[in-house]
Amino acid sequence: MAKFLLKTGAYRLRTFVPRVLLGAALASTAAGTAAPVSDAAYRAETEAWRQAREARLRAPDGWLTLVGLVWLKPGANRFGSARDNDVILPAAAPAHAGTFVVADRAVTLALEPGAALTLNGGPPRAGAFATDAAPKPDVLRAGTVSWQVIERGDRLGVRVRDGASPARARFAGCRWYPIDPAYRVVARLAPNARAADIVVPDASGGKQTLKGTGTLELALRGQTVRLDPMLDGDDENDQMIVFRDATSGRDTYGGGRFARALRQKDGTFVVDFNRAYAPPCAFTPYATCPLPPPQNRLKVAIEAGERNGGEATHGEATHGEARAAPHDARGPRP
């Protein structure tokens, strides 16, 4: 199974902590609510973070542009906008653009003569094609449409984006709970005695193996909560928490939410649930986001962060979206 790291498609939302907030966090010495900070400054920084979150969703390469995911079969997989292709692209792509040939988990690109497309912003060339597991994955583009090969576990798939997607056009913004400083807490990590992998199901019906680091213990609204963070990149000071709580499927996305655990100089972590956010599969049926492991499914209601209401409608096949293969991602059922 593929490690779920940043270079292989992790869902990290870059987190910045202003110095005034960082300094306050360092002053805290026990798990609990983070040390007091200027309320006005904290609210302003949180609002700025939320605006940046929405801007990233709206970006030309944001999650709202995903319009297709097709799992590849061994051998030849033709792609283009014509209906006789294995991977059917939006109409902006050539009718017959080329072929991905899969052999022993390696992908080779063959091109149709005269196909109007680019590879990594330049002229296309046939040959070995780098998946998103590579440091520099290859990306093909035709007009507003781009596509690449992703690796998820033992599967290879073509992920398709379109900057002109209906979901991006109709996105009206996210809905959020009111900012409550009580949901910005300090946690202590009980590290694993040895390296431990966490195997979780994902929204596409597959499984992903993530690197676990231990268990975070924190106090939330008078209750002790334990959550297992995991690495979605190479930075152990910024860890991902995939969790579900009593609001999931009611007031927040049914598949759970993500939060960040930021290590401080004293070894504690700050977890700000006011910045908890919905995973990509809340916005598109073509994402492969991990679902919460059993130990991160909480009975407590975390009424902070992103709520239902901003996500795009699933299940529409519009704008020439790529045809779904049998294992196409459909998102977790709430």
Foldseek 3Di string as FASTA:
>chain_A
DDAQAQLQPHDDDDDDDDPQQQVQQVVDDDFFQTGDGPPVVVQVVLVVSQVVVQVQCLDLPHLLFWFAKAWDDAAKFWEFCAPPGNWHAFPLFHRTFWIWHDDPNWTWTGGDPPGPKPKPPHRDDTTTAAASNDNDGIWIDGVQKIWGWHDAPPIIMIIIGGSPDPLSVPQPGFDWFPADSNQWIKKAFDFDPDWDWDWFAWQLRHIHIFTWTGWIWHAHPNDIAIFIWTHRYDDPQKTKTFAAEPCAPPWAPVQTWIWIWGAHPVRMTITHQLAIGHGSCQAEQQDTGTGHDPSRYYHHDDRHHTTPDRHGDYDDNDSSGIDYDPSGRGGDDD
